[in-house]
Amino acid sequence: MQDKMTTKDSPLIPFTKEDIEEFKKKRNAPSKEKINDCIIELRKWLAQQQHLPKIDEDLLGKFLFGCKYDTEETKIRLGNYYACKARHSDLFSDTNLDSAEHRNQRKFV
């Protein structure tokens, strides 16, 4: 039996370490050192952005991955994400899927 890993956001989707490594290989993911360099660069940039919150390494890694490890694209997307989150805070405020409002809305889906 293979050791299964799950993502924090999707605990129902299991991945083996081999699955993750194969995916990285197919996508030509950069080395861990290159990823760390990108995260350091983003941290320096974030330190100068007073309007952006402190972002943990896991989330930075997800944004980097989504931007194909392009730090400039990641900066743009981070800025856009937090601008959207600030403008539309009502959409981001209730993330509890077990709340009465969410249960009621699921009845119509």
C-alpha atoms as a PDB file:
ATOM      1  CA  MET A   1       0.000   0.000   0.000  1.00  0.00           C
ATOM      2  CA  GLN A   2       1.337   3.408  -0.955  1.00  0.00           C
ATOM      3  CA  ASP A   3       1.582   6.245   1.518  1.00  0.00           C
ATOM      4  CA  LYS A   4      -1.208   8.679   0.600  1.00  0.00           C
ATOM      5  CA  MET A   5      -0.978  12.437   1.009  1.00  0.00           C
ATOM      6  CA  THR A   6      -3.848  14.880   0.873  1.00  0.00           C
ATOM      7  CA  THR A   7      -3.995  18.562   0.182  1.00  0.00           C
ATOM      8  CA  LYS A   8      -5.091  20.892   2.968  1.00  0.00           C
ATOM      9  CA  ASP A   9      -7.945  22.273   0.892  1.00  0.00           C
ATOM     10  CA  SER A  10      -9.105  18.947  -0.570  1.00  0.00           C
ATOM     11  CA  PRO A  11      -8.673  16.212   2.023  1.00  0.00           C
ATOM     12  CA  LEU A  12     -10.773  13.826  -0.062  1.00  0.00           C
ATOM     13  CA  ILE A  13      -8.370  13.774  -3.012  1.00  0.00           C
ATOM     14  CA  PRO A  14      -5.445  11.470  -2.165  1.00  0.00           C
ATOM     15  CA  PHE A  15      -2.068  11.808  -3.870  1.00  0.00           C
ATOM     16  CA  THR A  16       0.970   9.603  -3.448  1.00  0.00           C
ATOM     17  CA  LYS A  17       4.431  11.143  -3.286  1.00  0.00           C
ATOM     18  CA  GLU A  18       5.079   9.424  -6.616  1.00  0.00           C
ATOM     19  CA  ASP A  19       1.982  11.095  -8.127  1.00  0.00           C
ATOM     20  CA  ILE A  20       3.240  14.502  -7.058  1.00  0.00           C
ATOM     21  CA  GLU A  21       6.767  13.913  -8.377  1.00  0.00           C
ATOM     22  CA  GLU A  22       5.417  12.621 -11.700  1.00  0.00           C
ATOM     23  CA  PHE A  23       3.179  15.675 -12.028  1.00  0.00           C
ATOM     24  CA  LYS A  24       6.107  18.009 -11.313  1.00  0.00           C
ATOM     25  CA  LYS A  25       8.245  16.214 -13.885  1.00  0.00           C
ATOM     26  CA  LYS A  26       5.537  16.454 -16.573  1.00  0.00           C
ATOM     27  CA  ARG A  27       5.072  20.160 -15.868  1.00  0.00           C
ATOM     28  CA  ASN A  28       8.814  20.910 -15.831  1.00  0.00           C
ATOM     29  CA  ALA A  29       8.586  22.293 -12.314  1.00  0.00           C
ATOM     30  CA  PRO A  30      11.739  24.092 -11.189  1.00  0.00           C
ATOM     31  CA  SER A  31      14.002  22.763  -8.472  1.00  0.00           C
ATOM     32  CA  LYS A  32      13.222  23.338  -4.802  1.00  0.00           C
ATOM     33  CA  GLU A  33      16.092  25.842  -4.717  1.00  0.00           C
ATOM     34  CA  LYS A  34      14.551  27.853  -7.571  1.00  0.00           C
ATOM     35  CA  ILE A  35      11.146  27.783  -5.870  1.00  0.00           C
ATOM     36  CA  ASN A  36      12.731  28.967  -2.604  1.00  0.00           C
ATOM     37  CA  ASP A  37      14.468  31.787  -4.498  1.00  0.00           C
ATOM     38  CA  CYS A  38      11.107  32.815  -5.973  1.00  0.00           C
ATOM     39  CA  ILE A  39       9.490  32.792  -2.526  1.00  0.00           C
ATOM     40  CA  ILE A  40      12.331  34.917  -1.103  1.00  0.00           C
ATOM     41  CA  GLU A  41      11.866  37.414  -3.946  1.00  0.00           C
ATOM     42  CA  LEU A  42       8.113  37.518  -3.317  1.00  0.00           C
ATOM     43  CA  ARG A  43       8.645  38.005   0.431  1.00  0.00           C
ATOM     44  CA  LYS A  44      10.920  41.007  -0.257  1.00  0.00           C
ATOM     45  CA  TRP A  45       8.304  42.443  -2.599  1.00  0.00           C
ATOM     46  CA  LEU A  46       5.483  41.803  -0.100  1.00  0.00           C
ATOM     47  CA  ALA A  47       7.446  43.598   2.638  1.00  0.00           C
ATOM     48  CA  GLN A  48       7.209  46.754   0.500  1.00  0.00           C
ATOM     49  CA  GLN A  49       3.481  46.357  -0.181  1.00  0.00           C
ATOM     50  CA  GLN A  50       1.755  47.981   2.786  1.00  0.00           C
ATOM     51  CA  HIS A  51      -1.721  47.170   1.442  1.00  0.00           C
ATOM     52  CA  LEU A  52      -1.127  43.408   1.245  1.00  0.00           C
ATOM     53  CA  PRO A  53      -1.299  41.076   4.255  1.00  0.00           C
ATOM     54  CA  LYS A  54       1.390  38.689   5.405  1.00  0.00           C
ATOM     55  CA  ILE A  55       1.061  35.557   3.266  1.00  0.00           C
ATOM     56  CA  ASP A  56       2.244  32.134   4.370  1.00  0.00           C
ATOM     57  CA  GLU A  57       4.679  30.084   2.303  1.00  0.00           C
ATOM     58  CA  ASP A  58       2.059  27.485   1.362  1.00  0.00           C
ATOM     59  CA  LEU A  59      -0.199  30.081  -0.264  1.00  0.00           C
ATOM     60  CA  LEU A  60       2.747  31.761  -2.004  1.00  0.00           C
ATOM     61  CA  GLY A  61       3.704  28.356  -3.401  1.00  0.00           C
ATOM     62  CA  LYS A  62       0.183  27.840  -4.723  1.00  0.00           C
ATOM     63  CA  PHE A  63       0.156  31.230  -6.417  1.00  0.00           C
ATOM     64  CA  LEU A  64       3.611  30.547  -7.891  1.00  0.00           C
ATOM     65  CA  PHE A  65       2.465  27.196  -9.234  1.00  0.00           C
ATOM     66  CA  GLY A  66      -0.646  28.768 -10.764  1.00  0.00           C
ATOM     67  CA  CYS A  67       1.572  31.356 -12.459  1.00  0.00           C
ATOM     68  CA  LYS A  68       4.028  28.722 -13.742  1.00  0.00           C
ATOM     69  CA  TYR A  69       6.674  30.043 -11.326  1.00  0.00           C
ATOM     70  CA  ASP A  70       6.732  33.476 -12.972  1.00  0.00           C
ATOM     71  CA  THR A  71       7.295  35.882 -10.060  1.00  0.00           C
ATOM     72  CA  GLU A  72       6.096  38.968 -11.955  1.00  0.00           C
ATOM     73  CA  GLU A  73       2.839  37.237 -12.898  1.00  0.00           C
ATOM     74  CA  THR A  74       2.497  36.043  -9.296  1.00  0.00           C
ATOM     75  CA  LYS A  75       2.835  39.618  -8.016  1.00  0.00           C
ATOM     76  CA  ILE A  76       0.063  40.765 -10.363  1.00  0.00           C
ATOM     77  CA  ARG A  77      -2.250  37.930  -9.361  1.00  0.00           C
ATOM     78  CA  LEU A  78      -1.621  38.430  -5.650  1.00  0.00           C
ATOM     79  CA  GLY A  79      -2.432  42.126  -5.997  1.00  0.00           C
ATOM     80  CA  ASN A  80      -5.579  41.378  -7.989  1.00  0.00           C
ATOM     81  CA  TYR A  81      -6.708  38.661  -5.579  1.00  0.00           C
ATOM     82  CA  TYR A  82      -6.431  40.877  -2.503  1.00  0.00           C
ATOM     83  CA  ALA A  83      -7.971  43.867  -4.308  1.00  0.00           C
ATOM     84  CA  CYS A  84     -10.950  41.699  -5.277  1.00  0.00           C
ATOM     85  CA  LYS A  85     -11.159  40.296  -1.758  1.00  0.00           C
ATOM     86  CA  ALA A  86     -11.235  43.837  -0.318  1.00  0.00           C
ATOM     87  CA  ARG A  87     -13.845  45.112  -2.782  1.00  0.00           C
ATOM     88  CA  HIS A  88     -16.107  42.075  -2.436  1.00  0.00           C
ATOM     89  CA  SER A  89     -15.582  41.102   1.185  1.00  0.00           C
ATOM     90  CA  ASP A  90     -19.140  39.783   1.399  1.00  0.00           C
ATOM     91  CA  LEU A  91     -18.189  36.946  -0.956  1.00  0.00           C
ATOM     92  CA  PHE A  92     -15.177  35.985   1.143  1.00  0.00           C
ATOM     93  CA  SER A  93     -16.559  36.450   4.649  1.00  0.00           C
ATOM     94  CA  ASP A  94     -18.611  33.289   5.278  1.00  0.00           C
ATOM     95  CA  THR A  95     -16.501  30.295   4.313  1.00  0.00           C
ATOM     96  CA  ASN A  96     -18.198  27.891   6.726  1.00  0.00           C
ATOM     97  CA  LEU A  97     -19.983  25.456   4.413  1.00  0.00           C
ATOM     98  CA  ASP A  98     -22.001  24.117   7.350  1.00  0.00           C
ATOM     99  CA  SER A  99     -23.600  27.493   8.078  1.00  0.00           C
ATOM    100  CA  ALA A 100     -27.385  27.735   7.841  1.00  0.00           C
ATOM    101  CA  GLU A 101     -27.137  30.080   4.845  1.00  0.00           C
ATOM    102  CA  HIS A 102     -24.937  27.678   2.875  1.00  0.00           C
ATOM    103  CA  ARG A 103     -27.153  24.689   3.729  1.00  0.00           C
ATOM    104  CA  ASN A 104     -30.188  26.653   2.569  1.00  0.00           C
ATOM    105  CA  GLN A 105     -28.498  27.639  -0.704  1.00  0.00           C
ATOM    106  CA  ARG A 106     -27.523  24.026  -1.426  1.00  0.00           C
ATOM    107  CA  LYS A 107     -31.201  23.080  -1.460  1.00  0.00           C
ATOM    108  CA  PHE A 108     -31.550  24.997  -4.723  1.00  0.00           C
ATOM    109  CA  VAL A 109     -28.530  23.515  -6.460  1.00  0.00           C
END
